[in-house]
Amino acid sequence: MSNKIQKTIERQQARIAAGEYYEAHQQLRVIASRYTKSSNWAAATDILYSGAQALLQAGQGGSGGDLCILLLDVYHKGEVKCDTESKGKLLGLLRAFPKGEPTRKKFVGELVGWSARTSEYPAGDPEIHHVAGSLYADDLDPYDAERHLILGTKDSPATLATLHYAWYTSDSPHTAPLYAARGIIPYLLAGNLRAANKFNLLFSSSLQKSPNSAALSIQEVSTASSDLRVYPSLPLLNFLGLLLLAVERGEASLFRQLKSHYAGHLKDVNWNEALDQIGEMYFNIKIPRQGNPMMDMIGSMFGGGLGGGGGSQGRKSGPPPVAGLD
């Protein structure tokens, strides 16, 4: 960083410290624009990053978020790739947003889009998804949290399981399968069996320790090859556990038997299309459709297919639909 850029940053940071937020925001925009027009991407990046960070730390989410979005525009014009350094700066800014700041959602969308264009991940960088999803989970916003955590890292299933179990505890005991399905089925549709199994294990473990565990009458069943928790009063939860086992074994006959045995219970939920996709993905049971199941699921999630609401004030008395399937 040149002395000129450093002095510019220090002047604007002093303004922000003095509470001159609007003036600093406008000056930072003008200066960054000048460097962008001259294709001085490094200078524009330094100006916008430091300014956004200072404004966000001062609680100015709108102004700071605006500079964050401008920074992504500079990354796009400067053809900056999604690597450890560039991603690290942006994730630092994302974490600095004040809680509940509306601009954050737009920044998250732009951030995911940039990473999808400039990384090896067509659905966006998993770490970005994990951080975004974790922040939404902290805000008790399950709909936005799950759409990112499903595409996140190996740590995402634990975050999602904790969130959905907490959401479930405000509902009736018999709705547990519907909350479990919100993690298990989308992870399977994303081709991530390991994450689906981890989510199921953690969610089930929480159920076993819950105050409702006696009412659920949980039983442990062990075989030579696997251990299963059986819930006599929750047949759909048993179905989900056996579904994971069938996918792991890759046995189409077991999958068909499973659907047939639980047909009476499955008619009460809207899982048919997802199960058809799972049948095609894992058991080569063809269905008359076009498109890619994983990308269709991702498109649904990021195109509003989950429905609105679901924040801390958006809890519903009835059970939720499965993610990406309503």
Protein backbone atom coordinates (compact mmCIF):
# COMPACT_ATOMS: atom_id res chain seq x y z
CA MET A 1 0.00 0.00 0.00
CA SER A 2 1.43 3.39 -1.02
CA ASN A 3 1.81 6.28 1.40
CA LYS A 4 -0.83 8.21 -0.53
CA ILE A 5 -3.40 5.45 -0.14
CA GLN A 6 -2.48 4.98 3.52
CA LYS A 7 -2.97 8.68 4.25
CA THR A 8 -6.31 8.68 2.43
CA ILE A 9 -7.49 5.74 4.51
CA GLU A 10 -6.34 7.37 7.75
CA ARG A 11 -8.18 10.61 6.94
CA GLN A 12 -11.44 8.80 6.26
CA GLN A 13 -11.05 6.62 9.35
CA ALA A 14 -10.60 9.79 11.41
CA ARG A 15 -13.85 11.14 9.96
CA ILE A 16 -15.65 7.95 10.83
CA ALA A 17 -14.24 8.03 14.36
CA ALA A 18 -15.54 11.60 14.64
CA GLY A 19 -19.03 10.49 13.62
CA GLU A 20 -18.91 12.03 10.15
CA TYR A 21 -20.29 8.87 8.58
CA TYR A 22 -22.08 10.35 5.57
CA GLU A 23 -19.12 12.51 4.56
CA ALA A 24 -16.67 9.64 4.87
CA HIS A 25 -18.95 7.28 2.95
CA GLN A 26 -19.32 9.69 0.04
CA GLN A 27 -15.62 10.50 -0.09
CA LEU A 28 -14.70 6.82 -0.07
CA ARG A 29 -17.07 6.16 -2.96
CA VAL A 30 -15.62 9.02 -5.01
CA ILE A 31 -11.99 8.06 -4.35
CA ALA A 32 -12.59 4.38 -5.08
CA SER A 33 -14.42 5.26 -8.30
CA ARG A 34 -11.45 7.30 -9.48
CA TYR A 35 -9.06 4.39 -8.91
CA THR A 36 -11.49 1.95 -10.53
CA LYS A 37 -11.71 4.08 -13.70
CA SER A 38 -7.93 4.03 -13.95
CA SER A 39 -7.94 0.23 -13.41
CA ASN A 40 -5.93 0.58 -10.21
CA TRP A 41 -7.67 -2.38 -8.63
CA ALA A 42 -5.33 -2.68 -5.66
CA ALA A 43 -5.87 0.92 -4.58
CA ALA A 44 -9.62 0.72 -5.04
CA THR A 45 -9.68 -2.50 -3.04
CA ASP A 46 -7.66 -1.04 -0.16
CA ILE A 47 -9.85 2.07 0.00
CA LEU A 48 -13.15 0.18 -0.06
CA TYR A 49 -12.08 -2.61 2.29
CA SER A 50 -10.73 -0.32 4.99
CA GLY A 51 -13.67 2.08 4.66
CA ALA A 52 -16.27 -0.67 4.80
CA GLN A 53 -14.58 -2.24 7.80
CA ALA A 54 -14.46 1.07 9.70
CA LEU A 55 -18.10 1.91 8.94
CA LEU A 56 -19.34 -1.56 9.89
CA GLN A 57 -17.41 -1.47 13.15
CA ALA A 58 -19.01 1.91 13.84
CA GLY A 59 -22.43 0.30 13.45
CA GLN A 60 -23.11 1.93 10.07
CA GLY A 61 -24.43 -1.19 8.33
CA GLY A 62 -26.05 0.57 5.38
CA SER A 63 -23.02 2.65 4.42
CA GLY A 64 -20.57 -0.14 5.20
CA GLY A 65 -22.66 -2.64 3.27
CA ASP A 66 -22.75 -0.32 0.27
CA LEU A 67 -18.96 -0.23 0.21
CA CYS A 68 -18.85 -4.02 0.57
CA ILE A 69 -20.97 -4.38 -2.56
CA LEU A 70 -18.77 -1.87 -4.38
CA LEU A 71 -15.73 -3.89 -3.34
CA LEU A 72 -17.24 -6.97 -4.94
CA ASP A 73 -17.82 -4.94 -8.11
CA VAL A 74 -14.13 -4.02 -8.11
CA TYR A 75 -13.25 -7.70 -7.65
CA HIS A 76 -15.43 -8.51 -10.64
CA LYS A 77 -13.95 -5.80 -12.88
CA GLY A 78 -10.42 -6.59 -11.73
CA GLU A 79 -11.02 -10.34 -12.29
CA VAL A 80 -10.03 -11.15 -8.72
CA LYS A 81 -10.35 -14.87 -8.03
CA CYS A 82 -11.93 -16.38 -4.96
CA ASP A 83 -8.83 -17.42 -3.05
CA THR A 84 -7.78 -17.46 0.60
CA GLU A 85 -6.81 -13.77 0.69
CA SER A 86 -9.75 -12.27 -1.19
CA LYS A 87 -12.29 -14.55 0.47
CA GLY A 88 -10.79 -13.86 3.89
CA LYS A 89 -11.29 -10.12 3.52
CA LEU A 90 -14.89 -10.51 2.42
CA LEU A 91 -15.76 -12.99 5.17
CA GLY A 92 -14.26 -10.61 7.71
CA LEU A 93 -16.56 -7.88 6.44
CA LEU A 94 -19.55 -10.23 6.44
CA ARG A 95 -18.97 -11.09 10.09
CA ALA A 96 -18.72 -7.37 10.93
CA PHE A 97 -22.25 -6.53 9.77
CA PRO A 98 -24.53 -5.34 12.58
CA LYS A 99 -27.14 -7.94 13.46
CA GLY A 100 -30.30 -7.54 11.42
CA GLU A 101 -28.76 -5.16 8.87
CA PRO A 102 -30.86 -5.49 5.67
CA THR A 103 -27.90 -4.80 3.37
CA ARG A 104 -26.23 -7.99 4.57
CA LYS A 105 -28.58 -10.23 2.60
CA LYS A 106 -27.75 -8.45 -0.66
CA PHE A 107 -24.05 -8.68 0.14
CA VAL A 108 -24.36 -12.40 0.83
CA GLY A 109 -26.07 -12.92 -2.53
CA GLU A 110 -23.38 -10.95 -4.36
CA LEU A 111 -20.66 -12.76 -2.43
CA VAL A 112 -21.99 -16.21 -3.31
CA GLY A 113 -22.40 -15.17 -6.95
CA TRP A 114 -18.84 -13.88 -7.15
CA SER A 115 -17.43 -17.07 -5.63
CA ALA A 116 -19.51 -19.19 -8.01
CA ARG A 117 -18.03 -17.34 -10.99
CA THR A 118 -14.42 -17.35 -9.82
CA SER A 119 -13.95 -20.62 -7.95
CA GLU A 120 -14.26 -24.33 -8.64
CA TYR A 121 -17.67 -24.44 -6.94
CA PRO A 122 -20.57 -23.67 -9.32
CA ALA A 123 -22.98 -23.23 -6.39
CA GLY A 124 -20.60 -20.93 -4.51
CA ASP A 125 -17.69 -21.45 -2.13
CA PRO A 126 -18.64 -23.79 0.78
CA GLU A 127 -16.89 -21.68 3.41
CA ILE A 128 -18.86 -18.62 2.34
CA HIS A 129 -22.06 -20.63 2.55
CA HIS A 130 -21.10 -21.91 6.01
CA VAL A 131 -20.33 -18.47 7.42
CA ALA A 132 -23.49 -16.96 5.92
CA GLY A 133 -25.62 -19.86 7.13
CA SER A 134 -24.12 -19.68 10.63
CA LEU A 135 -24.88 -15.97 10.86
CA TYR A 136 -28.49 -16.59 9.82
CA ALA A 137 -28.67 -19.40 12.35
CA ASP A 138 -27.48 -17.02 15.07
CA ASP A 139 -30.32 -14.73 14.01
CA LEU A 140 -32.77 -17.66 14.35
CA ASP A 141 -33.58 -17.38 10.66
CA PRO A 142 -33.87 -21.06 9.69
CA TYR A 143 -34.97 -20.60 6.08
CA ASP A 144 -31.97 -18.48 5.06
CA ALA A 145 -29.64 -20.51 7.30
CA GLU A 146 -30.49 -23.88 5.79
CA ARG A 147 -30.21 -22.80 2.17
CA HIS A 148 -26.57 -21.90 2.82
CA LEU A 149 -25.64 -24.60 5.32
CA ILE A 150 -26.81 -27.32 2.92
CA LEU A 151 -24.04 -26.13 0.57
CA GLY A 152 -21.51 -25.46 3.32
CA THR A 153 -18.55 -27.27 4.86
CA LYS A 154 -18.13 -30.38 7.01
CA ASP A 155 -19.01 -28.22 10.02
CA SER A 156 -22.36 -27.12 8.59
CA PRO A 157 -24.45 -30.21 9.55
CA ALA A 158 -23.76 -29.57 13.24
CA THR A 159 -24.89 -25.96 12.95
CA LEU A 160 -27.99 -26.95 11.02
CA ALA A 161 -28.88 -29.77 13.41
CA THR A 162 -28.61 -27.44 16.40
CA LEU A 163 -30.78 -24.86 14.67
CA HIS A 164 -33.51 -27.28 13.62
CA TYR A 165 -33.59 -29.00 16.97
CA ALA A 166 -34.02 -25.63 18.69
CA TRP A 167 -36.80 -24.82 16.20
CA TYR A 168 -38.42 -28.19 16.83
CA THR A 169 -38.54 -27.68 20.60
CA SER A 170 -41.12 -24.91 20.12
CA ASP A 171 -43.37 -27.37 18.25
CA SER A 172 -45.20 -30.57 19.12
CA PRO A 173 -43.15 -33.74 19.80
CA HIS A 174 -44.70 -35.62 16.86
CA THR A 175 -43.31 -33.06 14.34
CA ALA A 176 -39.69 -34.20 14.83
CA PRO A 177 -39.52 -36.04 11.45
CA LEU A 178 -40.41 -32.87 9.59
CA TYR A 179 -37.53 -30.95 11.13
CA ALA A 180 -35.15 -33.87 10.61
CA ALA A 181 -36.18 -34.05 6.95
CA ARG A 182 -35.23 -30.41 6.42
CA GLY A 183 -31.61 -31.44 6.80
CA ILE A 184 -31.50 -35.05 5.65
CA ILE A 185 -33.36 -34.77 2.34
CA PRO A 186 -31.65 -31.61 1.00
CA TYR A 187 -28.22 -33.01 1.91
CA LEU A 188 -29.05 -36.16 -0.06
CA LEU A 189 -30.25 -34.07 -3.00
CA ALA A 190 -26.96 -32.18 -2.86
CA GLY A 191 -25.13 -35.51 -3.11
CA ASN A 192 -23.72 -35.24 0.39
CA LEU A 193 -24.49 -38.51 2.18
CA ARG A 194 -21.87 -37.90 4.84
CA ALA A 195 -23.47 -34.60 5.83
CA ALA A 196 -26.94 -36.19 5.84
CA ASN A 197 -25.73 -38.92 8.19
CA LYS A 198 -24.00 -36.44 10.47
CA PHE A 199 -27.08 -34.24 10.64
CA ASN A 200 -29.26 -37.26 11.43
CA LEU A 201 -26.91 -38.46 14.16
CA LEU A 202 -26.73 -35.07 15.85
CA PHE A 203 -30.45 -34.34 15.55
CA SER A 204 -31.31 -37.81 16.89
CA SER A 205 -28.87 -37.42 19.76
CA SER A 206 -30.54 -34.17 20.75
CA LEU A 207 -33.93 -35.88 20.60
CA GLN A 208 -32.67 -38.63 22.86
CA LYS A 209 -31.64 -36.09 25.48
CA SER A 210 -34.74 -33.93 25.17
CA PRO A 211 -37.46 -33.64 27.84
CA ASN A 212 -39.80 -35.31 25.32
CA SER A 213 -37.62 -38.43 24.96
CA ALA A 214 -39.82 -40.48 27.30
CA ALA A 215 -42.91 -39.60 25.27
CA LEU A 216 -41.06 -40.53 22.06
CA SER A 217 -40.13 -43.97 23.44
CA ILE A 218 -36.75 -44.19 21.73
CA GLN A 219 -35.29 -47.69 21.30
CA GLU A 220 -31.81 -48.73 20.21
CA VAL A 221 -31.57 -51.52 17.63
CA SER A 222 -28.17 -52.98 16.74
CA THR A 223 -27.26 -55.33 13.92
CA ALA A 224 -23.95 -56.78 12.82
CA SER A 225 -23.42 -53.85 10.42
CA SER A 226 -25.20 -50.84 11.91
CA ASP A 227 -26.89 -49.22 14.90
CA LEU A 228 -30.31 -47.61 14.55
CA ARG A 229 -32.57 -45.60 16.80
CA VAL A 230 -36.19 -46.66 16.44
CA TYR A 231 -39.09 -44.39 17.34
CA PRO A 232 -42.32 -46.44 17.62
CA SER A 233 -44.42 -43.27 17.71
CA LEU A 234 -42.57 -41.54 14.82
CA PRO A 235 -42.62 -43.82 11.76
CA LEU A 236 -41.40 -41.10 9.40
CA LEU A 237 -38.30 -40.60 11.52
CA ASN A 238 -37.64 -44.32 11.21
CA PHE A 239 -38.16 -43.99 7.47
CA LEU A 240 -35.49 -41.27 7.24
CA GLY A 241 -32.97 -43.37 9.15
CA LEU A 242 -33.63 -46.39 6.97
CA LEU A 243 -33.46 -44.21 3.86
CA LEU A 244 -29.92 -43.20 4.80
CA LEU A 245 -29.05 -46.85 5.29
CA ALA A 246 -30.51 -47.76 1.89
CA VAL A 247 -28.55 -44.97 0.18
CA GLU A 248 -25.36 -46.08 1.87
CA ARG A 249 -25.86 -49.64 0.65
CA GLY A 250 -27.08 -48.57 -2.80
CA GLU A 251 -29.76 -51.25 -2.89
CA ALA A 252 -32.66 -50.27 -5.15
CA SER A 253 -34.81 -53.13 -3.88
CA LEU A 254 -34.43 -51.91 -0.30
CA PHE A 255 -35.39 -48.39 -1.38
CA ARG A 256 -38.52 -49.66 -3.13
CA GLN A 257 -39.50 -51.80 -0.15
CA LEU A 258 -38.98 -48.87 2.16
CA LYS A 259 -41.26 -46.59 0.14
CA SER A 260 -43.89 -49.31 -0.08
CA HIS A 261 -43.81 -50.11 3.64
CA TYR A 262 -44.17 -46.45 4.66
CA ALA A 263 -46.54 -45.45 1.84
CA GLY A 264 -49.40 -44.82 4.25
CA HIS A 265 -47.31 -42.34 6.22
CA LEU A 266 -45.60 -40.74 3.21
CA LYS A 267 -48.94 -39.67 1.78
CA ASP A 268 -49.17 -37.13 4.61
CA VAL A 269 -45.98 -35.29 3.60
CA ASN A 270 -44.78 -33.67 0.39
CA TRP A 271 -41.61 -35.74 -0.09
CA ASN A 272 -42.60 -37.66 -3.24
CA GLU A 273 -40.72 -35.55 -5.78
CA ALA A 274 -37.60 -35.49 -3.63
CA LEU A 275 -37.73 -39.25 -3.12
CA ASP A 276 -38.09 -39.74 -6.87
CA GLN A 277 -34.95 -37.67 -7.37
CA ILE A 278 -33.13 -39.63 -4.67
CA GLY A 279 -34.21 -42.86 -6.38
CA GLU A 280 -32.70 -41.67 -9.64
CA MET A 281 -29.51 -40.28 -8.10
CA TYR A 282 -28.61 -43.20 -5.85
CA PHE A 283 -30.48 -46.23 -7.23
CA ASN A 284 -30.66 -45.50 -10.97
CA ILE A 285 -34.47 -45.61 -10.87
CA LYS A 286 -35.24 -43.36 -13.83
CA ILE A 287 -38.04 -40.82 -13.70
CA PRO A 288 -39.44 -38.84 -16.65
CA ARG A 289 -37.92 -35.47 -15.99
CA GLN A 290 -35.33 -33.03 -17.29
CA GLY A 291 -32.58 -31.16 -15.50
CA ASN A 292 -30.09 -31.90 -12.78
CA PRO A 293 -31.61 -32.73 -9.35
CA MET A 294 -28.86 -30.99 -7.41
CA MET A 295 -28.97 -27.84 -9.50
CA ASP A 296 -32.78 -27.81 -9.45
CA MET A 297 -32.66 -27.98 -5.69
CA ILE A 298 -30.09 -25.21 -5.50
CA GLY A 299 -32.11 -23.08 -7.92
CA SER A 300 -35.21 -23.58 -5.83
CA MET A 301 -33.36 -22.64 -2.66
CA PHE A 302 -31.86 -19.46 -4.07
CA GLY A 303 -34.91 -18.56 -6.09
CA GLY A 304 -37.19 -18.31 -3.08
CA GLY A 305 -38.47 -21.87 -3.16
CA LEU A 306 -38.29 -22.12 0.60
CA GLY A 307 -40.92 -19.49 1.23
CA GLY A 308 -40.53 -16.33 3.28
CA GLY A 309 -40.33 -15.63 6.96
CA GLY A 310 -38.97 -18.02 9.52
CA GLY A 311 -37.00 -15.54 11.63
CA SER A 312 -37.23 -15.18 15.38
CA GLN A 313 -40.63 -13.57 14.98
CA GLY A 314 -41.61 -15.93 12.17
CA ARG A 315 -42.05 -19.23 14.02
CA LYS A 316 -45.14 -21.11 13.01
CA SER A 317 -47.39 -23.25 15.11
CA GLY A 318 -47.56 -25.95 12.43
CA PRO A 319 -44.69 -28.08 11.19
CA PRO A 320 -42.50 -26.74 8.37
CA PRO A 321 -42.27 -28.18 4.87
CA VAL A 322 -39.04 -29.82 3.79
CA ALA A 323 -36.41 -27.40 2.50
CA GLY A 324 -36.55 -26.84 -1.23
CA LEU A 325 -39.52 -29.15 -1.73
CA ASP A 326 -42.55 -26.94 -1.12
